[in-house]
N, C-alpha and C. Protein backbone atom coordinates (compact mmCIF):
# COMPACT_ATOMS: atom_id res chain seq x y z
N MET A 1 9.89 -21.55 18.07
CA MET A 1 9.48 -20.26 17.92
C MET A 1 8.24 -19.95 18.85
N THR A 2 8.50 -19.16 19.73
CA THR A 2 7.43 -18.71 20.70
C THR A 2 6.21 -17.92 20.16
N GLU A 3 5.19 -17.94 21.03
CA GLU A 3 4.00 -17.32 20.53
C GLU A 3 4.20 -15.80 20.47
N THR A 4 5.16 -15.27 21.31
CA THR A 4 5.40 -13.78 21.30
C THR A 4 6.06 -13.50 19.95
N ALA A 5 6.99 -14.34 19.49
CA ALA A 5 7.83 -14.20 18.37
C ALA A 5 6.87 -14.10 17.07
N VAL A 6 5.94 -15.17 17.08
CA VAL A 6 4.91 -15.23 16.01
C VAL A 6 4.06 -13.87 15.98
N ILE A 7 3.53 -13.39 17.05
CA ILE A 7 2.80 -12.35 17.20
C ILE A 7 3.53 -11.17 16.73
N ALA A 8 4.88 -10.92 17.06
CA ALA A 8 5.62 -9.72 16.67
C ALA A 8 5.85 -9.87 15.20
N LEU A 9 6.02 -11.04 14.74
CA LEU A 9 6.21 -11.21 13.16
C LEU A 9 5.03 -10.79 12.39
N GLY A 10 3.80 -11.19 12.95
CA GLY A 10 2.59 -10.93 12.21
C GLY A 10 2.33 -9.47 12.35
N ARG A 11 2.57 -8.85 13.46
CA ARG A 11 2.40 -7.38 13.55
C ARG A 11 3.40 -6.53 12.58
N ASP A 12 4.60 -6.94 12.63
CA ASP A 12 5.60 -6.42 11.80
C ASP A 12 5.16 -6.51 10.29
N ALA A 13 4.64 -7.74 9.90
CA ALA A 13 4.19 -8.04 8.32
C ALA A 13 3.07 -7.20 8.16
N LEU A 14 1.88 -7.08 9.03
CA LEU A 14 0.80 -6.30 8.93
C LEU A 14 1.23 -4.60 8.70
N LEU A 15 2.05 -4.19 9.67
CA LEU A 15 2.55 -2.87 9.47
C LEU A 15 3.20 -2.51 8.23
N THR A 16 4.04 -3.46 7.74
CA THR A 16 4.80 -3.41 6.43
C THR A 16 3.80 -3.28 5.32
N VAL A 17 2.68 -4.07 5.35
CA VAL A 17 1.75 -4.15 4.31
C VAL A 17 1.02 -2.79 4.18
N LEU A 18 0.68 -2.36 5.45
CA LEU A 18 -0.13 -1.10 5.47
C LEU A 18 0.84 0.14 4.98
N LEU A 19 2.06 0.12 5.37
CA LEU A 19 2.86 1.27 4.96
C LEU A 19 3.23 1.23 3.35
N VAL A 20 3.29 -0.02 2.87
CA VAL A 20 3.66 -0.15 1.59
C VAL A 20 2.35 0.23 0.70
N ALA A 21 1.32 -0.34 1.09
CA ALA A 21 0.01 -0.16 0.24
C ALA A 21 -0.67 1.14 0.45
N GLY A 22 -0.44 1.74 1.61
CA GLY A 22 -1.13 3.12 2.02
C GLY A 22 -1.10 4.31 1.09
N PRO A 23 0.07 4.59 0.58
CA PRO A 23 0.23 5.75 -0.28
C PRO A 23 -0.65 5.54 -1.55
N MET A 24 -0.64 4.43 -2.14
CA MET A 24 -1.36 4.16 -3.41
C MET A 24 -2.88 4.10 -3.11
N ILE A 25 -3.22 3.49 -2.08
CA ILE A 25 -4.64 3.41 -1.64
C ILE A 25 -5.19 4.64 -1.39
N GLY A 26 -4.43 5.42 -0.57
CA GLY A 26 -4.84 6.84 -0.22
C GLY A 26 -5.04 7.76 -1.58
N ILE A 27 -4.09 7.73 -2.34
CA ILE A 27 -4.19 8.46 -3.54
C ILE A 27 -5.37 8.09 -4.53
N GLY A 28 -5.51 6.71 -4.51
CA GLY A 28 -6.73 6.14 -5.24
C GLY A 28 -7.95 6.75 -4.63
N LEU A 29 -8.18 6.70 -3.43
CA LEU A 29 -9.33 7.24 -2.60
C LEU A 29 -9.42 8.60 -2.87
N LEU A 30 -8.47 9.47 -2.78
CA LEU A 30 -8.45 10.89 -3.03
C LEU A 30 -9.08 11.16 -4.40
N VAL A 31 -8.55 10.53 -5.35
CA VAL A 31 -8.74 10.76 -6.72
C VAL A 31 -10.26 10.31 -6.96
N GLY A 32 -10.62 9.18 -6.43
CA GLY A 32 -12.09 8.68 -6.49
C GLY A 32 -13.02 9.77 -5.87
N LEU A 33 -12.62 10.42 -4.74
CA LEU A 33 -13.57 11.31 -4.04
C LEU A 33 -13.74 12.58 -4.87
N ILE A 34 -12.66 13.12 -5.61
CA ILE A 34 -12.77 14.27 -6.33
C ILE A 34 -13.61 13.92 -7.79
N ILE A 35 -13.39 12.85 -8.31
CA ILE A 35 -14.16 12.35 -9.41
C ILE A 35 -15.62 12.32 -8.99
N SER A 36 -15.96 11.70 -7.85
CA SER A 36 -17.33 11.68 -7.35
C SER A 36 -17.95 12.96 -7.18
N ILE A 37 -17.15 13.89 -6.58
CA ILE A 37 -17.70 15.38 -6.45
C ILE A 37 -17.91 15.83 -7.79
N PHE A 38 -17.06 15.66 -8.70
CA PHE A 38 -17.16 16.21 -10.14
C PHE A 38 -18.29 15.75 -10.78
N GLN A 39 -18.64 14.36 -10.52
CA GLN A 39 -19.74 13.80 -11.25
C GLN A 39 -21.08 14.28 -10.66
N ALA A 40 -21.10 14.38 -9.21
CA ALA A 40 -22.19 14.83 -8.71
C ALA A 40 -22.59 16.33 -9.07
N THR A 41 -21.64 17.02 -9.09
CA THR A 41 -21.90 18.55 -9.51
C THR A 41 -22.34 18.63 -10.90
N THR A 42 -21.77 17.91 -11.87
CA THR A 42 -22.05 18.06 -13.40
C THR A 42 -23.10 16.97 -13.79
N GLN A 43 -23.63 16.12 -12.92
CA GLN A 43 -24.47 15.11 -13.21
C GLN A 43 -24.09 14.08 -14.45
N ILE A 44 -22.90 13.98 -14.52
CA ILE A 44 -22.35 13.00 -15.55
C ILE A 44 -22.15 11.69 -14.74
N GLN A 45 -22.72 10.67 -15.33
CA GLN A 45 -22.81 9.43 -14.51
C GLN A 45 -22.19 8.34 -15.40
N GLU A 46 -21.08 8.65 -15.96
CA GLU A 46 -20.29 7.65 -16.84
C GLU A 46 -19.43 6.81 -15.94
N GLN A 47 -19.54 5.58 -16.05
CA GLN A 47 -18.78 4.68 -15.15
C GLN A 47 -17.39 4.69 -15.54
N THR A 48 -16.98 4.70 -16.78
CA THR A 48 -15.51 4.65 -17.14
C THR A 48 -14.79 5.95 -16.79
N LEU A 49 -15.51 7.07 -16.26
CA LEU A 49 -14.84 8.32 -15.90
C LEU A 49 -14.14 8.18 -14.62
N THR A 50 -14.63 7.14 -13.68
CA THR A 50 -14.04 6.94 -12.47
C THR A 50 -12.73 6.08 -12.54
N PHE A 51 -12.80 5.04 -13.47
CA PHE A 51 -11.72 4.12 -13.42
C PHE A 51 -10.39 4.75 -13.98
N ALA A 52 -10.52 5.42 -15.25
CA ALA A 52 -9.25 5.77 -15.89
C ALA A 52 -8.42 6.67 -15.02
N PRO A 53 -9.02 7.76 -14.43
CA PRO A 53 -8.11 8.66 -13.66
C PRO A 53 -7.64 7.92 -12.38
N LYS A 54 -8.35 7.06 -11.70
CA LYS A 54 -7.74 6.43 -10.59
C LYS A 54 -6.57 5.39 -11.00
N ILE A 55 -6.86 4.70 -12.16
CA ILE A 55 -5.72 3.83 -12.47
C ILE A 55 -4.52 4.71 -12.80
N LEU A 56 -4.66 5.79 -13.39
CA LEU A 56 -3.48 6.67 -13.82
C LEU A 56 -2.86 7.19 -12.40
N ALA A 57 -3.69 7.72 -11.57
CA ALA A 57 -3.04 8.19 -10.32
C ALA A 57 -2.35 7.02 -9.48
N ILE A 58 -2.91 5.96 -9.49
CA ILE A 58 -2.25 4.80 -8.71
C ILE A 58 -1.07 4.45 -9.47
N LEU A 59 -0.99 4.50 -10.73
CA LEU A 59 0.41 4.18 -11.46
C LEU A 59 1.32 5.24 -11.25
N VAL A 60 1.15 6.46 -11.14
CA VAL A 60 1.90 7.55 -11.00
C VAL A 60 2.48 7.59 -9.59
N SER A 61 1.53 7.24 -8.74
CA SER A 61 1.99 7.15 -7.26
C SER A 61 2.92 5.95 -7.00
N GLY A 62 2.73 4.89 -7.88
CA GLY A 62 3.66 3.68 -7.78
C GLY A 62 5.08 4.18 -8.25
N VAL A 63 5.14 5.01 -9.23
CA VAL A 63 6.34 5.55 -9.81
C VAL A 63 7.03 6.40 -8.73
N ILE A 64 6.27 7.26 -8.17
CA ILE A 64 6.76 8.23 -7.22
C ILE A 64 7.24 7.48 -5.80
N PHE A 65 6.41 6.71 -5.24
CA PHE A 65 6.71 6.01 -4.15
C PHE A 65 7.40 4.69 -4.18
N GLY A 66 7.61 4.16 -5.48
CA GLY A 66 8.36 2.97 -5.64
C GLY A 66 9.55 2.66 -4.97
N PRO A 67 10.48 3.66 -5.10
CA PRO A 67 11.80 3.34 -4.39
C PRO A 67 11.68 3.30 -2.83
N TRP A 68 10.71 4.14 -2.20
CA TRP A 68 10.45 3.93 -0.82
C TRP A 68 9.93 2.85 -0.56
N MET A 69 8.87 2.21 -1.28
CA MET A 69 8.19 0.97 -0.97
C MET A 69 9.27 -0.19 -1.11
N LEU A 70 10.00 -0.09 -2.21
CA LEU A 70 11.02 -1.25 -2.30
C LEU A 70 11.90 -1.25 -1.14
N ARG A 71 12.40 -0.19 -0.56
CA ARG A 71 13.24 -0.14 0.55
C ARG A 71 12.53 -0.59 1.79
N THR A 72 11.24 -0.29 1.85
CA THR A 72 10.52 -0.75 3.13
C THR A 72 10.48 -2.23 2.96
N MET A 73 10.18 -2.79 1.94
CA MET A 73 9.99 -4.26 1.60
C MET A 73 11.35 -5.08 1.90
N VAL A 74 12.44 -4.32 1.35
CA VAL A 74 13.73 -5.05 1.65
C VAL A 74 14.08 -5.04 3.08
N ASP A 75 13.79 -3.92 3.88
CA ASP A 75 14.09 -3.76 5.29
C ASP A 75 13.30 -4.83 6.08
N PHE A 76 12.05 -5.01 5.64
CA PHE A 76 11.22 -6.14 6.37
C PHE A 76 11.79 -7.48 6.07
N SER A 77 12.23 -8.01 4.75
CA SER A 77 12.77 -8.97 4.34
C SER A 77 14.09 -9.26 5.23
N GLU A 78 14.90 -8.15 5.36
CA GLU A 78 16.22 -8.41 6.24
C GLU A 78 15.81 -8.80 7.57
N ARG A 79 14.92 -8.07 8.10
CA ARG A 79 14.54 -8.39 9.54
C ARG A 79 13.95 -9.73 9.55
N LEU A 80 13.26 -10.22 8.66
CA LEU A 80 12.61 -11.59 8.74
C LEU A 80 13.56 -12.54 8.43
N ILE A 81 14.62 -12.27 7.67
CA ILE A 81 15.77 -13.32 7.60
C ILE A 81 16.54 -13.48 8.67
N SER A 82 16.84 -12.43 9.36
CA SER A 82 17.68 -12.23 10.68
C SER A 82 16.81 -12.98 11.78
N ARG A 83 15.64 -12.80 11.83
CA ARG A 83 14.88 -13.48 12.94
C ARG A 83 14.76 -15.09 12.56
N ALA A 84 14.63 -15.37 11.32
CA ALA A 84 14.61 -16.77 11.04
C ALA A 84 16.01 -17.43 11.30
N HIS A 85 17.00 -16.52 11.00
CA HIS A 85 18.33 -17.20 11.38
C HIS A 85 18.64 -17.40 12.77
N GLU A 86 18.06 -16.51 13.66
CA GLU A 86 18.25 -16.57 15.16
C GLU A 86 17.33 -17.93 15.61
N PHE A 87 16.34 -18.18 15.00
CA PHE A 87 15.55 -19.42 15.52
C PHE A 87 16.30 -20.69 14.88
N ILE A 88 16.98 -20.70 13.80
CA ILE A 88 17.42 -21.90 13.38
C ILE A 88 18.63 -22.42 14.27
N ARG A 89 19.37 -21.42 14.94
CA ARG A 89 20.49 -21.65 15.91
C ARG A 89 20.09 -22.48 16.96
């Protein structure tokens, strides 16, 4: 396995991780920002108020984006296996 192949594999793996985790992290950040603005305007400083909506939003986004995330991971796995099969020969 050459250095170029290892770098390409690492780049592909990193891109896949960012694509798969991106929607849930983005929605979690957006909900956290909205809750923070709400807390700042109402001066409610309850710590549990931030966690429950974020967890719920991330779970809902996991349900919504789940099939796409699974397809992305399966595509990556297929590319990884095909590359490994080429290097075994």
